[in-house]
């Protein structure tokens, strides 16, 4: 199970860092062109902040354990990203973007597995 948790955390980390980098590095217009129409509901700084949180959370899923410095931060990062996913589910739900809601629920479940495993029986 430890290997499974590492794989899930690594894949989630890649997804969140990539997604966050896109939000931080691109303009709102570029993000909207890429299919992220929700950016119209938020200001530039909020979109950049969401991107920064995605990057920090993604890194938090693997780096503390890799360098063996405060590995308790791994499940804490997972819980933080669960909160982000709840916000994403609400945002996409209000916009009637059902496929995105489903995708965010899948991410939330995977994050919950990591949080459960790393807080519980497979803690570092």
PDB file of N, CA and C in Angstrom:
ATOM      1  N   UNK A   1       0.827  -1.200   0.000  1.00  0.00           N
ATOM      2  CA  UNK A   1       0.000   0.000   0.000  1.00  0.00           C
ATOM      3  C   UNK A   1       0.866   1.258   0.000  1.00  0.00           C
ATOM      4  N   UNK A   2       2.023   1.195   0.624  1.00  0.00           N
ATOM      5  CA  UNK A   2       2.919   2.342   0.651  1.00  0.00           C
ATOM      6  C   UNK A   2       3.296   2.769  -0.764  1.00  0.00           C
ATOM      7  N   UNK A   3       3.579   1.811  -1.628  1.00  0.00           N
ATOM      8  CA  UNK A   3       3.946   2.118  -3.016  1.00  0.00           C
ATOM      9  C   UNK A   3       2.764   2.752  -3.743  1.00  0.00           C
ATOM     10  N   UNK A   4       1.574   2.236  -3.501  1.00  0.00           N
ATOM     11  CA  UNK A   4       0.370   2.794  -4.126  1.00  0.00           C
ATOM     12  C   UNK A   4       0.182   4.250  -3.697  1.00  0.00           C
ATOM     13  N   UNK A   5       0.372   4.528  -2.422  1.00  0.00           N
ATOM     14  CA  UNK A   5       0.246   5.902  -1.925  1.00  0.00           C
ATOM     15  C   UNK A   5       1.285   6.817  -2.565  1.00  0.00           C
ATOM     16  N   UNK A   6       2.512   6.322  -2.729  1.00  0.00           N
ATOM     17  CA  UNK A   6       3.547   7.110  -3.394  1.00  0.00           C
ATOM     18  C   UNK A   6       3.159   7.418  -4.844  1.00  0.00           C
ATOM     19  N   UNK A   7       2.637   6.425  -5.535  1.00  0.00           N
ATOM     20  CA  UNK A   7       2.243   6.615  -6.937  1.00  0.00           C
ATOM     21  C   UNK A   7       1.109   7.625  -7.044  1.00  0.00           C
ATOM     22  N   UNK A   8       0.086   7.456  -6.199  1.00  0.00           N
ATOM     23  CA  UNK A   8      -1.037   8.399  -6.222  1.00  0.00           C
ATOM     24  C   UNK A   8      -0.555   9.805  -5.902  1.00  0.00           C
ATOM     25  N   UNK A   9       0.256   9.942  -4.863  1.00  0.00           N
ATOM     26  CA  UNK A   9       0.749  11.265  -4.468  1.00  0.00           C
ATOM     27  C   UNK A   9       1.603  11.890  -5.567  1.00  0.00           C
ATOM     28  N   UNK A  10       2.436  11.100  -6.209  1.00  0.00           N
ATOM     29  CA  UNK A  10       3.290  11.634  -7.279  1.00  0.00           C
ATOM     30  C   UNK A  10       2.461  12.089  -8.472  1.00  0.00           C
ATOM     31  N   UNK A  11       1.477  11.310  -8.858  1.00  0.00           N
ATOM     32  CA  UNK A  11       0.621  11.699  -9.988  1.00  0.00           C
ATOM     33  C   UNK A  11      -0.191  12.950  -9.656  1.00  0.00           C
ATOM     34  N   UNK A  12      -0.716  12.997  -8.439  1.00  0.00           N
ATOM     35  CA  UNK A  12      -1.444  14.191  -8.015  1.00  0.00           C
ATOM     36  C   UNK A  12      -0.519  15.409  -7.980  1.00  0.00           C
ATOM     37  N   UNK A  13       0.696  15.211  -7.488  1.00  0.00           N
ATOM     38  CA  UNK A  13       1.660  16.314  -7.432  1.00  0.00           C
ATOM     39  C   UNK A  13       1.935  16.863  -8.828  1.00  0.00           C
ATOM     40  N   UNK A  14       2.170  15.974  -9.778  1.00  0.00           N
ATOM     41  CA  UNK A  14       2.399  16.417 -11.160  1.00  0.00           C
ATOM     42  C   UNK A  14       1.211  17.198 -11.695  1.00  0.00           C
ATOM     43  N   UNK A  15       0.021  16.685 -11.455  1.00  0.00           N
ATOM     44  CA  UNK A  15      -1.185  17.347 -11.952  1.00  0.00           C
ATOM     45  C   UNK A  15      -1.366  18.725 -11.329  1.00  0.00           C
ATOM     46  N   UNK A  16      -1.191  18.827 -10.019  1.00  0.00           N
ATOM     47  CA  UNK A  16      -1.410  20.104  -9.351  1.00  0.00           C
ATOM     48  C   UNK A  16      -0.318  21.120  -9.671  1.00  0.00           C
ATOM     49  N   UNK A  17       0.930  20.679  -9.751  1.00  0.00           N
ATOM     50  CA  UNK A  17       2.009  21.609 -10.097  1.00  0.00           C
ATOM     51  C   UNK A  17       1.824  22.114 -11.527  1.00  0.00           C
ATOM     52  N   UNK A  18       1.481  21.229 -12.448  1.00  0.00           N
ATOM     53  CA  UNK A  18       1.267  21.643 -13.837  1.00  0.00           C
ATOM     54  C   UNK A  18       0.076  22.589 -13.954  1.00  0.00           C
ATOM     55  N   UNK A  19      -1.007  22.246 -13.293  1.00  0.00           N
ATOM     56  CA  UNK A  19      -2.203  23.086 -13.331  1.00  0.00           C
ATOM     57  C   UNK A  19      -1.930  24.454 -12.695  1.00  0.00           C
ATOM     58  N   UNK A  20      -1.248  24.426 -11.570  1.00  0.00           N
ATOM     59  CA  UNK A  20      -0.920  25.681 -10.893  1.00  0.00           C
ATOM     60  C   UNK A  20       0.011  26.546 -11.707  1.00  0.00           C
ATOM     61  N   UNK A  21       1.013  25.936 -12.330  1.00  0.00           N
ATOM     62  CA  UNK A  21       1.948  26.695 -13.159  1.00  0.00           C
ATOM     63  C   UNK A  21       1.217  27.356 -14.321  1.00  0.00           C
ATOM     64  N   UNK A  22       0.272  26.645 -14.900  1.00  0.00           N
ATOM     65  CA  UNK A  22      -0.495  27.218 -15.998  1.00  0.00           C
ATOM     66  C   UNK A  22      -1.274  28.448 -15.519  1.00  0.00           C
ATOM     67  N   UNK A  23      -1.880  28.355 -14.346  1.00  0.00           N
ATOM     68  CA  UNK A  23      -2.656  29.479 -13.811  1.00  0.00           C
ATOM     69  C   UNK A  23      -1.768  30.656 -13.447  1.00  0.00           C
ATOM     70  N   UNK A  24      -0.574  30.380 -12.981  1.00  0.00           N
ATOM     71  CA  UNK A  24       0.341  31.450 -12.574  1.00  0.00           C
ATOM     72  C   UNK A  24       0.989  32.124 -13.786  1.00  0.00           C
ATOM     73  N   UNK A  25       1.325  31.334 -14.794  1.00  0.00           N
ATOM     74  CA  UNK A  25       2.111  31.851 -15.913  1.00  0.00           C
ATOM     75  C   UNK A  25       1.285  32.423 -17.067  1.00  0.00           C
ATOM     76  N   UNK A  26       0.026  32.050 -17.175  1.00  0.00           N
ATOM     77  CA  UNK A  26      -0.789  32.520 -18.289  1.00  0.00           C
ATOM     78  C   UNK A  26      -1.735  33.628 -17.854  1.00  0.00           C
ATOM     79  N   UNK A  27      -2.151  34.427 -18.823  1.00  0.00           N
ATOM     80  CA  UNK A  27      -3.133  35.474 -18.549  1.00  0.00           C
ATOM     81  C   UNK A  27      -4.522  34.849 -18.472  1.00  0.00           C
ATOM     82  N   UNK A  28      -5.472  35.633 -17.948  1.00  0.00           N
ATOM     83  CA  UNK A  28      -6.850  35.136 -17.884  1.00  0.00           C
ATOM     84  C   UNK A  28      -7.372  34.827 -19.281  1.00  0.00           C
ATOM     85  N   UNK A  29      -7.035  35.654 -20.254  1.00  0.00           N
ATOM     86  CA  UNK A  29      -7.492  35.424 -21.628  1.00  0.00           C
ATOM     87  C   UNK A  29      -6.941  34.097 -22.169  1.00  0.00           C
ATOM     88  N   UNK A  30      -5.677  33.831 -21.902  1.00  0.00           N
ATOM     89  CA  UNK A  30      -5.081  32.572 -22.355  1.00  0.00           C
ATOM     90  C   UNK A  30      -5.715  31.374 -21.653  1.00  0.00           C
ATOM     91  N   UNK A  31      -6.008  31.531 -20.368  1.00  0.00           N
ATOM     92  CA  UNK A  31      -6.649  30.447 -19.626  1.00  0.00           C
ATOM     93  C   UNK A  31      -8.056  30.184 -20.153  1.00  0.00           C
ATOM     94  N   UNK A  32      -8.768  31.266 -20.470  1.00  0.00           N
ATOM     95  CA  UNK A  32     -10.111  31.101 -21.016  1.00  0.00           C
ATOM     96  C   UNK A  32     -10.065  30.402 -22.370  1.00  0.00           C
ATOM     97  N   UNK A  33      -9.091  30.763 -23.193  1.00  0.00           N
ATOM     98  CA  UNK A  33      -8.913  30.103 -24.493  1.00  0.00           C
ATOM     99  C   UNK A  33      -8.606  28.613 -24.312  1.00  0.00           C
ATOM    100  N   UNK A  34      -7.920  28.285 -23.228  1.00  0.00           N
ATOM    101  CA  UNK A  34      -7.556  26.891 -22.950  1.00  0.00           C
ATOM    102  C   UNK A  34      -8.730  26.098 -22.371  1.00  0.00           C
ATOM    103  N   UNK A  35      -9.874  26.747 -22.193  1.00  0.00           N
ATOM    104  CA  UNK A  35     -11.057  26.046 -21.712  1.00  0.00           C
ATOM    105  C   UNK A  35     -11.400  26.275 -20.255  1.00  0.00           C
ATOM    106  N   UNK A  36     -10.672  27.146 -19.590  1.00  0.00           N
ATOM    107  CA  UNK A  36     -10.952  27.432 -18.182  1.00  0.00           C
ATOM    108  C   UNK A  36     -11.851  28.666 -18.086  1.00  0.00           C
ATOM    109  N   UNK A  37     -13.105  28.501 -18.466  1.00  0.00           N
ATOM    110  CA  UNK A  37     -14.025  29.638 -18.517  1.00  0.00           C
ATOM    111  C   UNK A  37     -14.366  30.186 -17.131  1.00  0.00           C
ATOM    112  N   UNK A  38     -14.117  29.411 -16.100  1.00  0.00           N
ATOM    113  CA  UNK A  38     -14.404  29.860 -14.738  1.00  0.00           C
ATOM    114  C   UNK A  38     -13.583  31.078 -14.339  1.00  0.00           C
ATOM    115  N   UNK A  39     -12.491  31.346 -15.043  1.00  0.00           N
ATOM    116  CA  UNK A  39     -11.639  32.479 -14.665  1.00  0.00           C
ATOM    117  C   UNK A  39     -12.375  33.805 -14.788  1.00  0.00           C
ATOM    118  N   UNK A  40     -13.442  33.846 -15.589  1.00  0.00           N
ATOM    119  CA  UNK A  40     -14.230  35.078 -15.711  1.00  0.00           C
ATOM    120  C   UNK A  40     -14.880  35.471 -14.392  1.00  0.00           C
ATOM    121  N   UNK A  41     -15.088  34.501 -13.515  1.00  0.00           N
ATOM    122  CA  UNK A  41     -15.748  34.760 -12.232  1.00  0.00           C
ATOM    123  C   UNK A  41     -14.805  35.323 -11.171  1.00  0.00           C
ATOM    124  N   UNK A  42     -13.498  35.371 -11.475  1.00  0.00           N
ATOM    125  CA  UNK A  42     -12.505  35.775 -10.479  1.00  0.00           C
ATOM    126  C   UNK A  42     -11.549  36.802 -11.048  1.00  0.00           C
ATOM    127  N   UNK A  43     -10.947  37.574 -10.158  1.00  0.00           N
ATOM    128  CA  UNK A  43      -9.948  38.554 -10.562  1.00  0.00           C
ATOM    129  C   UNK A  43      -8.618  37.884 -10.891  1.00  0.00           C
ATOM    130  N   UNK A  44      -7.746  38.657 -11.541  1.00  0.00           N
ATOM    131  CA  UNK A  44      -6.425  38.134 -11.911  1.00  0.00           C
ATOM    132  C   UNK A  44      -5.652  37.609 -10.704  1.00  0.00           C
ATOM    133  N   UNK A  45      -5.650  38.390  -9.632  1.00  0.00           N
ATOM    134  CA  UNK A  45      -4.864  37.988  -8.464  1.00  0.00           C
ATOM    135  C   UNK A  45      -5.428  36.732  -7.811  1.00  0.00           C
ATOM    136  N   UNK A  46      -6.728  36.548  -7.846  1.00  0.00           N
ATOM    137  CA  UNK A  46      -7.331  35.345  -7.272  1.00  0.00           C
ATOM    138  C   UNK A  46      -6.945  34.111  -8.075  1.00  0.00           C
ATOM    139  N   UNK A  47      -6.962  34.241  -9.405  1.00  0.00           N
ATOM    140  CA  UNK A  47      -6.569  33.117 -10.259  1.00  0.00           C
ATOM    141  C   UNK A  47      -5.103  32.762 -10.005  1.00  0.00           C
ATOM    142  N   UNK A  48      -4.244  33.772  -9.888  1.00  0.00           N
ATOM    143  CA  UNK A  48      -2.821  33.529  -9.608  1.00  0.00           C
ATOM    144  C   UNK A  48      -2.649  32.886  -8.233  1.00  0.00           C
ATOM    145  N   UNK A  49      -3.437  33.327  -7.254  1.00  0.00           N
ATOM    146  CA  UNK A  49      -3.369  32.756  -5.908  1.00  0.00           C
ATOM    147  C   UNK A  49      -3.783  31.286  -5.932  1.00  0.00           C
ATOM    148  N   UNK A  50      -4.845  30.967  -6.652  1.00  0.00           N
ATOM    149  CA  UNK A  50      -5.277  29.576  -6.777  1.00  0.00           C
ATOM    150  C   UNK A  50      -4.156  28.741  -7.401  1.00  0.00           C
ATOM    151  N   UNK A  51      -3.502  29.296  -8.415  1.00  0.00           N
ATOM    152  CA  UNK A  51      -2.379  28.601  -9.044  1.00  0.00           C
ATOM    153  C   UNK A  51      -1.240  28.377  -8.074  1.00  0.00           C
ATOM    154  N   UNK A  52      -0.920  29.385  -7.276  1.00  0.00           N
ATOM    155  CA  UNK A  52       0.162  29.251  -6.297  1.00  0.00           C
ATOM    156  C   UNK A  52      -0.178  28.190  -5.250  1.00  0.00           C
ATOM    157  N   UNK A  53      -1.433  28.166  -4.811  1.00  0.00           N
ATOM    158  CA  UNK A  53      -1.863  27.156  -3.834  1.00  0.00           C
ATOM    159  C   UNK A  53      -1.758  25.763  -4.446  1.00  0.00           C
ATOM    160  N   UNK A  54      -2.137  25.627  -5.720  1.00  0.00           N
ATOM    161  CA  UNK A  54      -2.002  24.339  -6.406  1.00  0.00           C
ATOM    162  C   UNK A  54      -0.544  23.882  -6.427  1.00  0.00           C
ATOM    163  N   UNK A  55       0.368  24.793  -6.748  1.00  0.00           N
ATOM    164  CA  UNK A  55       1.797  24.446  -6.812  1.00  0.00           C
ATOM    165  C   UNK A  55       2.319  24.042  -5.438  1.00  0.00           C
ATOM    166  N   UNK A  56       2.037  24.850  -4.435  1.00  0.00           N
ATOM    167  CA  UNK A  56       2.521  24.568  -3.082  1.00  0.00           C
ATOM    168  C   UNK A  56       1.943  23.251  -2.565  1.00  0.00           C
ATOM    169  N   UNK A  57       0.644  23.045  -2.789  1.00  0.00           N
ATOM    170  CA  UNK A  57       0.009  21.801  -2.358  1.00  0.00           C
ATOM    171  C   UNK A  57       0.578  20.593  -3.077  1.00  0.00           C
ATOM    172  N   UNK A  58       0.782  20.729  -4.384  1.00  0.00           N
ATOM    173  CA  UNK A  58       1.352  19.634  -5.163  1.00  0.00           C
ATOM    174  C   UNK A  58       2.742  19.262  -4.687  1.00  0.00           C
ATOM    175  N   UNK A  59       3.565  20.268  -4.453  1.00  0.00           N
ATOM    176  CA  UNK A  59       4.912  20.004  -3.934  1.00  0.00           C
ATOM    177  C   UNK A  59       4.849  19.385  -2.543  1.00  0.00           C
ATOM    178  N   UNK A  60       3.874  19.831  -1.743  1.00  0.00           N
ATOM    179  CA  UNK A  60       3.719  19.310  -0.389  1.00  0.00           C
ATOM    180  C   UNK A  60       3.307  17.852  -0.332  1.00  0.00           C
ATOM    181  N   UNK A  61       2.776  17.336  -1.443  1.00  0.00           N
ATOM    182  CA  UNK A  61       2.383  15.931  -1.473  1.00  0.00           C
ATOM    183  C   UNK A  61       3.568  14.973  -1.541  1.00  0.00           C
ATOM    184  N   UNK A  62       4.723  15.481  -2.002  1.00  0.00           N
ATOM    185  CA  UNK A  62       5.858  14.565  -2.165  1.00  0.00           C
ATOM    186  C   UNK A  62       7.169  15.063  -1.545  1.00  0.00           C
ATOM    187  N   UNK A  63       7.446  16.342  -1.625  1.00  0.00           N
ATOM    188  CA  UNK A  63       8.760  16.839  -1.191  1.00  0.00           C
ATOM    189  C   UNK A  63       9.097  16.568   0.275  1.00  0.00           C
ATOM    190  N   UNK A  64       8.191  16.828   1.216  1.00  0.00           N
ATOM    191  CA  UNK A  64       8.575  16.580   2.616  1.00  0.00           C
ATOM    192  C   UNK A  64       9.011  15.136   2.870  1.00  0.00           C
ATOM    193  N   UNK A  65       8.338  14.198   2.234  1.00  0.00           N
ATOM    194  CA  UNK A  65       8.706  12.789   2.422  1.00  0.00           C
ATOM    195  C   UNK A  65       9.989  12.444   1.682  1.00  0.00           C
ATOM    196  N   UNK A  66      10.174  13.033   0.489  1.00  0.00           N
ATOM    197  CA  UNK A  66      11.386  12.741  -0.286  1.00  0.00           C
ATOM    198  C   UNK A  66      12.652  13.194   0.425  1.00  0.00           C
ATOM    199  N   UNK A  67      12.588  14.360   1.050  1.00  0.00           N
ATOM    200  CA  UNK A  67      13.774  14.889   1.725  1.00  0.00           C
ATOM    201  C   UNK A  67      13.786  14.550   3.216  1.00  0.00           C
ATOM    202  N   UNK A  68      12.730  13.862   3.660  1.00  0.00           N
ATOM    203  CA  UNK A  68      12.599  13.443   5.054  1.00  0.00           C
ATOM    204  C   UNK A  68      12.704  14.613   6.030  1.00  0.00           C
ATOM    205  N   UNK A  69      12.052  15.700   5.670  1.00  0.00           N
ATOM    206  CA  UNK A  69      11.955  16.863   6.550  1.00  0.00           C
ATOM    207  C   UNK A  69      10.472  17.150   6.771  1.00  0.00           C
ATOM    208  N   UNK A  70      10.011  16.975   7.969  1.00  0.00           N
ATOM    209  CA  UNK A  70       8.612  17.190   8.344  1.00  0.00           C
ATOM    210  C   UNK A  70       7.637  16.447   7.433  1.00  0.00           C
ATOM    211  N   UNK A  71       7.763  15.125   7.321  1.00  0.00           N
ATOM    212  CA  UNK A  71       6.877  14.369   6.441  1.00  0.00           C
ATOM    213  C   UNK A  71       5.399  14.436   6.834  1.00  0.00           C
ATOM    214  N   UNK A  72       5.095  14.921   8.027  1.00  0.00           N
ATOM    215  CA  UNK A  72       3.698  15.116   8.420  1.00  0.00           C
ATOM    216  C   UNK A  72       3.008  16.120   7.491  1.00  0.00           C
ATOM    217  N   UNK A  73       3.805  16.908   6.783  1.00  0.00           N
ATOM    218  CA  UNK A  73       3.230  17.889   5.853  1.00  0.00           C
ATOM    219  C   UNK A  73       2.552  17.236   4.653  1.00  0.00           C
ATOM    220  N   UNK A  74       2.889  15.985   4.353  1.00  0.00           N
ATOM    221  CA  UNK A  74       2.275  15.294   3.204  1.00  0.00           C
ATOM    222  C   UNK A  74       0.764  15.163   3.387  1.00  0.00           C
ATOM    223  N   UNK A  75       0.274  14.553   4.477  1.00  0.00           N
ATOM    224  CA  UNK A  75      -1.188  14.469   4.620  1.00  0.00           C
ATOM    225  C   UNK A  75      -1.839  15.830   4.849  1.00  0.00           C
ATOM    226  N   UNK A  76      -1.105  16.762   5.446  1.00  0.00           N
ATOM    227  CA  UNK A  76      -1.646  18.109   5.640  1.00  0.00           C
ATOM    228  C   UNK A  76      -1.840  18.786   4.284  1.00  0.00           C
ATOM    229  N   UNK A  77      -0.884  18.602   3.370  1.00  0.00           N
ATOM    230  CA  UNK A  77      -1.030  19.137   2.017  1.00  0.00           C
ATOM    231  C   UNK A  77      -2.222  18.507   1.313  1.00  0.00           C
ATOM    232  N   UNK A  78      -2.414  17.200   1.524  1.00  0.00           N
ATOM    233  CA  UNK A  78      -3.559  16.516   0.913  1.00  0.00           C
ATOM    234  C   UNK A  78      -4.874  17.097   1.427  1.00  0.00           C
ATOM    235  N   UNK A  79      -4.963  17.360   2.714  1.00  0.00           N
ATOM    236  CA  UNK A  79      -6.175  17.952   3.284  1.00  0.00           C
ATOM    237  C   UNK A  79      -6.379  19.368   2.730  1.00  0.00           C
ATOM    238  N   UNK A  80      -5.300  20.132   2.622  1.00  0.00           N
ATOM    239  CA  UNK A  80      -5.412  21.474   2.041  1.00  0.00           C
ATOM    240  C   UNK A  80      -5.938  21.435   0.614  1.00  0.00           C
ATOM    241  N   UNK A  81      -5.451  20.488  -0.169  1.00  0.00           N
ATOM    242  CA  UNK A  81      -5.926  20.367  -1.550  1.00  0.00           C
ATOM    243  C   UNK A  81      -7.349  19.823  -1.610  1.00  0.00           C
ATOM    244  N   UNK A  82      -7.760  19.048  -0.619  1.00  0.00           N
ATOM    245  CA  UNK A  82      -9.158  18.623  -0.542  1.00  0.00           C
ATOM    246  C   UNK A  82     -10.048  19.857  -0.402  1.00  0.00           C
ATOM    247  N   UNK A  83      -9.625  20.799   0.416  1.00  0.00           N
ATOM    248  CA  UNK A  83     -10.382  22.047   0.592  1.00  0.00           C
ATOM    249  C   UNK A  83     -10.454  22.808  -0.734  1.00  0.00           C
ATOM    250  N   UNK A  84      -9.335  22.844  -1.461  1.00  0.00           N
ATOM    251  CA  UNK A  84      -9.327  23.493  -2.773  1.00  0.00           C
ATOM    252  C   UNK A  84     -10.309  22.780  -3.709  1.00  0.00           C
ATOM    253  N   UNK A  85     -10.337  21.450  -3.660  1.00  0.00           N
ATOM    254  CA  UNK A  85     -11.238  20.692  -4.532  1.00  0.00           C
ATOM    255  C   UNK A  85     -12.704  20.938  -4.177  1.00  0.00           C
ATOM    256  N   UNK A  86     -13.011  21.121  -2.907  1.00  0.00           N
ATOM    257  CA  UNK A  86     -14.381  21.455  -2.516  1.00  0.00           C
ATOM    258  C   UNK A  86     -14.776  22.790  -3.151  1.00  0.00           C
ATOM    259  N   UNK A  87     -13.866  23.761  -3.106  1.00  0.00           N
ATOM    260  CA  UNK A  87     -14.130  25.044  -3.760  1.00  0.00           C
ATOM    261  C   UNK A  87     -14.311  24.895  -5.259  1.00  0.00           C
ATOM    262  N   UNK A  88     -13.497  24.044  -5.878  1.00  0.00           N
ATOM    263  CA  UNK A  88     -13.607  23.814  -7.318  1.00  0.00           C
ATOM    264  C   UNK A  88     -14.932  23.140  -7.659  1.00  0.00           C
ATOM    265  N   UNK A  89     -15.349  22.194  -6.837  1.00  0.00           N
ATOM    266  CA  UNK A  89     -16.628  21.510  -7.061  1.00  0.00           C
ATOM    267  C   UNK A  89     -17.778  22.505  -6.982  1.00  0.00           C
ATOM    268  N   UNK A  90     -17.745  23.372  -5.982  1.00  0.00           N
ATOM    269  CA  UNK A  90     -18.799  24.388  -5.848  1.00  0.00           C
ATOM    270  C   UNK A  90     -18.793  25.320  -7.051  1.00  0.00           C
ATOM    271  N   UNK A  91     -17.620  25.796  -7.454  1.00  0.00           N
ATOM    272  CA  UNK A  91     -17.518  26.709  -8.596  1.00  0.00           C
ATOM    273  C   UNK A  91     -18.046  26.069  -9.866  1.00  0.00           C
ATOM    274  N   UNK A  92     -17.584  24.867 -10.164  1.00  0.00           N
ATOM    275  CA  UNK A  92     -18.023  24.198 -11.390  1.00  0.00           C
ATOM    276  C   UNK A  92     -19.490  23.786 -11.300  1.00  0.00           C
ATOM    277  N   UNK A  93     -19.949  23.447 -10.122  1.00  0.00           N
ATOM    278  CA  UNK A  93     -21.357  23.098  -9.944  1.00  0.00           C
ATOM    279  C   UNK A  93     -22.269  24.282 -10.226  1.00  0.00           C
ATOM    280  N   UNK A  94     -21.894  25.447  -9.739  1.00  0.00           N
ATOM    281  CA  UNK A  94     -22.683  26.658 -10.003  1.00  0.00           C
ATOM    282  C   UNK A  94     -22.724  26.987 -11.488  1.00  0.00           C
ATOM    283  N   UNK A  95     -21.654  26.658 -12.189  1.00  0.00           N
ATOM    284  CA  UNK A  95     -21.568  26.943 -13.624  1.00  0.00           C
ATOM    285  C   UNK A  95     -22.139  25.801 -14.470  1.00  0.00           C
ATOM    286  N   UNK A  96     -22.678  24.777 -13.807  1.00  0.00           N
ATOM    287  CA  UNK A  96     -23.267  23.617 -14.492  1.00  0.00           C
ATOM    288  C   UNK A  96     -22.254  22.884 -15.373  1.00  0.00           C
ATOM    289  N   UNK A  97     -21.001  22.819 -14.902  1.00  0.00           N
ATOM    290  CA  UNK A  97     -19.928  22.131 -15.624  1.00  0.00           C
ATOM    291  C   UNK A  97     -19.748  20.733 -15.016  1.00  0.00           C
ATOM    292  N   UNK A  98     -20.703  19.859 -15.321  1.00  0.00           N
ATOM    293  CA  UNK A  98     -20.763  18.534 -14.715  1.00  0.00           C
ATOM    294  C   UNK A  98     -19.496  17.700 -14.920  1.00  0.00           C
ATOM    295  N   UNK A  99     -18.900  17.678 -16.125  1.00  0.00           N
ATOM    296  CA  UNK A  99     -17.673  16.879 -16.276  1.00  0.00           C
ATOM    297  C   UNK A  99     -16.543  17.351 -15.349  1.00  0.00           C
ATOM    298  N   UNK A 100     -16.439  18.649 -15.148  1.00  0.00           N
ATOM    299  CA  UNK A 100     -15.393  19.165 -14.257  1.00  0.00           C
ATOM    300  C   UNK A 100     -15.699  18.820 -12.799  1.00  0.00           C
ATOM    301  N   UNK A 101     -16.977  18.841 -12.437  1.00  0.00           N
ATOM    302  CA  UNK A 101     -17.358  18.444 -11.080  1.00  0.00           C
ATOM    303  C   UNK A 101     -16.935  16.993 -10.841  1.00  0.00           C
ATOM    304  N   UNK A 102     -17.217  16.132 -11.808  1.00  0.00           N
ATOM    305  CA  UNK A 102     -16.850  14.717 -11.676  1.00  0.00           C
ATOM    306  C   UNK A 102     -15.337  14.557 -11.550  1.00  0.00           C
ATOM    307  N   UNK A 103     -14.588  15.283 -12.371  1.00  0.00           N
ATOM    308  CA  UNK A 103     -13.126  15.226 -12.321  1.00  0.00           C
ATOM    309  C   UNK A 103     -12.611  15.684 -10.958  1.00  0.00           C
ATOM    310  N   UNK A 104     -13.180  16.780 -10.441  1.00  0.00           N
ATOM    311  CA  UNK A 104     -12.762  17.281  -9.137  1.00  0.00           C
ATOM    312  C   UNK A 104     -13.108  16.308  -8.019  1.00  0.00           C
ATOM    313  N   UNK A 105     -14.209  15.593  -8.148  1.00  0.00           N
ATOM    314  CA  UNK A 105     -14.576  14.582  -7.146  1.00  0.00           C
ATOM    315  C   UNK A 105     -13.561  13.440  -7.155  1.00  0.00           C
ATOM    316  N   UNK A 106     -13.134  13.034  -8.344  1.00  0.00           N
ATOM    317  CA  UNK A 106     -12.112  11.978  -8.445  1.00  0.00           C
ATOM    318  C   UNK A 106     -10.816  12.434  -7.765  1.00  0.00           C
ATOM    319  N   UNK A 107     -10.393  13.669  -8.053  1.00  0.00           N
ATOM    320  CA  UNK A 107      -9.185  14.198  -7.408  1.00  0.00           C
ATOM    321  C   UNK A 107      -9.358  14.247  -5.892  1.00  0.00           C
ATOM    322  N   UNK A 108     -10.525  14.676  -5.435  1.00  0.00           N
ATOM    323  CA  UNK A 108     -10.800  14.751  -4.002  1.00  0.00           C
ATOM    324  C   UNK A 108     -10.685  13.368  -3.365  1.00  0.00           C
ATOM    325  N   UNK A 109     -11.240  12.358  -4.009  1.00  0.00           N
ATOM    326  CA  UNK A 109     -11.174  10.997  -3.465  1.00  0.00           C
ATOM    327  C   UNK A 109      -9.723  10.512  -3.392  1.00  0.00           C
ATOM    328  N   UNK A 110      -8.944  10.765  -4.442  1.00  0.00           N
ATOM    329  CA  UNK A 110      -7.534  10.365  -4.428  1.00  0.00           C
ATOM    330  C   UNK A 110      -6.760  11.102  -3.333  1.00  0.00           C
ATOM    331  N   UNK A 111      -7.041  12.379  -3.163  1.00  0.00           N
ATOM    332  CA  UNK A 111      -6.400  13.146  -2.089  1.00  0.00           C
ATOM    333  C   UNK A 111      -6.801  12.598  -0.721  1.00  0.00           C
ATOM    334  N   UNK A 112      -8.062  12.197  -0.582  1.00  0.00           N
ATOM    335  CA  UNK A 112      -8.531  11.627   0.688  1.00  0.00           C
ATOM    336  C   UNK A 112      -7.827  10.302   0.986  1.00  0.00           C
ATOM    337  N   UNK A 113      -7.559   9.520  -0.040  1.00  0.00           N
ATOM    338  CA  UNK A 113      -6.825   8.263   0.148  1.00  0.00           C
ATOM    339  C   UNK A 113      -5.412   8.556   0.658  1.00  0.00           C
ATOM    340  N   UNK A 114      -4.758   9.542   0.051  1.00  0.00           N
ATOM    341  CA  UNK A 114      -3.410   9.916   0.495  1.00  0.00           C
ATOM    342  C   UNK A 114      -3.447  10.422   1.939  1.00  0.00           C
ATOM    343  N   UNK A 115      -4.394  11.300   2.253  1.00  0.00           N
ATOM    344  CA  UNK A 115      -4.496  11.834   3.619  1.00  0.00           C
ATOM    345  C   UNK A 115      -4.750  10.712   4.624  1.00  0.00           C
ATOM    346  N   UNK A 116      -5.685   9.817   4.299  1.00  0.00           N
ATOM    347  CA  UNK A 116      -5.989   8.700   5.193  1.00  0.00           C
ATOM    348  C   UNK A 116      -4.757   7.816   5.397  1.00  0.00           C
ATOM    349  N   UNK A 117      -4.103   7.453   4.306  1.00  0.00           N
ATOM    350  CA  UNK A 117      -2.953   6.563   4.402  1.00  0.00           C
ATOM    351  C   UNK A 117      -1.791   7.169   5.147  1.00  0.00           C
ATOM    352  N   UNK A 118      -1.526   8.442   4.895  1.00  0.00           N
ATOM    353  CA  UNK A 118      -0.353   9.075   5.517  1.00  0.00           C
ATOM    354  C   UNK A 118      -0.614   9.564   6.936  1.00  0.00           C
ATOM    355  N   UNK A 119      -1.862   9.851   7.272  1.00  0.00           N
ATOM    356  CA  UNK A 119      -2.180  10.147   8.676  1.00  0.00           C
ATOM    357  C   UNK A 119      -2.308   8.855   9.465  1.00  0.00           C
ATOM    358  N   UNK A 120      -2.715   7.773   8.802  1.00  0.00           N
ATOM    359  CA  UNK A 120      -3.057   6.549   9.487  1.00  0.00           C
ATOM    360  C   UNK A 120      -2.029   5.450   9.380  1.00  0.00           C
ATOM    361  N   UNK A 121      -2.414   4.335   8.798  1.00  0.00           N
ATOM    362  CA  UNK A 121      -1.587   3.126   8.878  1.00  0.00           C
ATOM    363  C   UNK A 121      -0.284   3.173   8.092  1.00  0.00           C
ATOM    364  N   UNK A 122      -0.147   4.091   7.165  1.00  0.00           N
ATOM    365  CA  UNK A 122       1.072   4.147   6.351  1.00  0.00           C
ATOM    366  C   UNK A 122       1.796   5.469   6.519  1.00  0.00           C
ATOM    367  N   UNK A 123       1.763   6.000   7.715  1.00  0.00           N
ATOM    368  CA  UNK A 123       2.453   7.253   8.010  1.00  0.00           C
ATOM    369  C   UNK A 123       3.962   7.062   7.879  1.00  0.00           C
ATOM    370  N   UNK A 124       4.637   8.151   7.622  1.00  0.00           N
ATOM    371  CA  UNK A 124       6.108   8.083   7.472  1.00  0.00           C
ATOM    372  C   UNK A 124       6.763   7.995   8.822  1.00  0.00           C
TER     373      UNK A 124
END
